[in-house]
C-alpha atoms as a PDB file:
ATOM      1  CA  MET A   1       0.000   0.000   0.000  1.00  0.00           C
ATOM      2  CA  SER A   2       1.518   3.299  -1.047  1.00  0.00           C
ATOM      3  CA  ASP A   3       1.279   6.472   0.962  1.00  0.00           C
ATOM      4  CA  ILE A   4      -0.602   9.350  -0.593  1.00  0.00           C
ATOM      5  CA  THR A   5       1.249  12.641  -0.348  1.00  0.00           C
ATOM      6  CA  ILE A   6      -0.353  16.025  -0.849  1.00  0.00           C
ATOM      7  CA  SER A   7       1.899  18.971  -1.569  1.00  0.00           C
ATOM      8  CA  ARG A   8       2.032  21.870   0.863  1.00  0.00           C
ATOM      9  CA  SER A   9       0.526  24.272  -1.683  1.00  0.00           C
ATOM     10  CA  ALA A  10      -2.384  21.880  -2.296  1.00  0.00           C
ATOM     11  CA  GLN A  11      -2.989  21.640   1.465  1.00  0.00           C
ATOM     12  CA  ILE A  12      -3.030  25.434   1.790  1.00  0.00           C
ATOM     13  CA  GLY A  13      -5.335  25.758  -1.215  1.00  0.00           C
ATOM     14  CA  LEU A  14      -7.735  23.189   0.209  1.00  0.00           C
ATOM     15  CA  LEU A  15      -7.726  24.905   3.606  1.00  0.00           C
ATOM     16  CA  LEU A  16      -8.455  28.279   1.985  1.00  0.00           C
ATOM     17  CA  ALA A  17     -11.273  26.748  -0.066  1.00  0.00           C
ATOM     18  CA  ILE A  18     -12.858  25.282   3.079  1.00  0.00           C
ATOM     19  CA  LEU A  19     -12.534  28.587   4.935  1.00  0.00           C
ATOM     20  CA  ALA A  20     -14.050  30.450   1.989  1.00  0.00           C
ATOM     21  CA  ALA A  21     -16.993  28.039   1.916  1.00  0.00           C
ATOM     22  CA  VAL A  22     -17.592  28.491   5.654  1.00  0.00           C
ATOM     23  CA  ALA A  23     -17.399  32.277   5.260  1.00  0.00           C
ATOM     24  CA  ALA A  24     -19.880  32.190   2.361  1.00  0.00           C
ATOM     25  CA  ILE A  25     -22.342  30.059   4.331  1.00  0.00           C
ATOM     26  CA  THR A  26     -22.022  32.348   7.346  1.00  0.00           C
ATOM     27  CA  ALA A  27     -22.490  35.471   5.213  1.00  0.00           C
ATOM     28  CA  ALA A  28     -25.603  33.953   3.628  1.00  0.00           C
ATOM     29  CA  GLN A  29     -27.071  33.263   7.078  1.00  0.00           C
ATOM     30  CA  LEU A  30     -26.073  36.607   8.611  1.00  0.00           C
ATOM     31  CA  PRO A  31     -29.521  38.283   8.558  1.00  0.00           C
ATOM     32  CA  GLU A  32     -31.076  35.205  10.159  1.00  0.00           C
ATOM     33  CA  LEU A  33     -28.315  35.073  12.801  1.00  0.00           C
ATOM     34  CA  GLU A  34     -28.808  38.740  13.673  1.00  0.00           C
ATOM     35  CA  ARG A  35     -32.560  38.201  14.020  1.00  0.00           C
ATOM     36  CA  TYR A  36     -31.936  35.182  16.272  1.00  0.00           C
ATOM     37  CA  LEU A  37     -29.510  37.116  18.481  1.00  0.00           C
ATOM     38  CA  LYS A  38     -31.963  40.038  18.826  1.00  0.00           C
ATOM     39  CA  ILE A  39     -34.765  37.695  19.893  1.00  0.00           C
ATOM     40  CA  ARG A  40     -32.463  35.874  22.292  1.00  0.00           C
ATOM     41  CA  SER A  41     -31.296  39.092  23.977  1.00  0.00           C
ATOM     42  CA  MET A  42     -34.858  40.075  24.887  1.00  0.00           C
END
């Protein structure tokens, strides 16, 4: 069984892609999150 190696630049690119996806999901949900936090603070 051979080991699979991923280059450092590919690892960084994958990490950035994951972070960008999380940021996009969070940005899409931002109005709903703000509404939730306002209701919760009451």
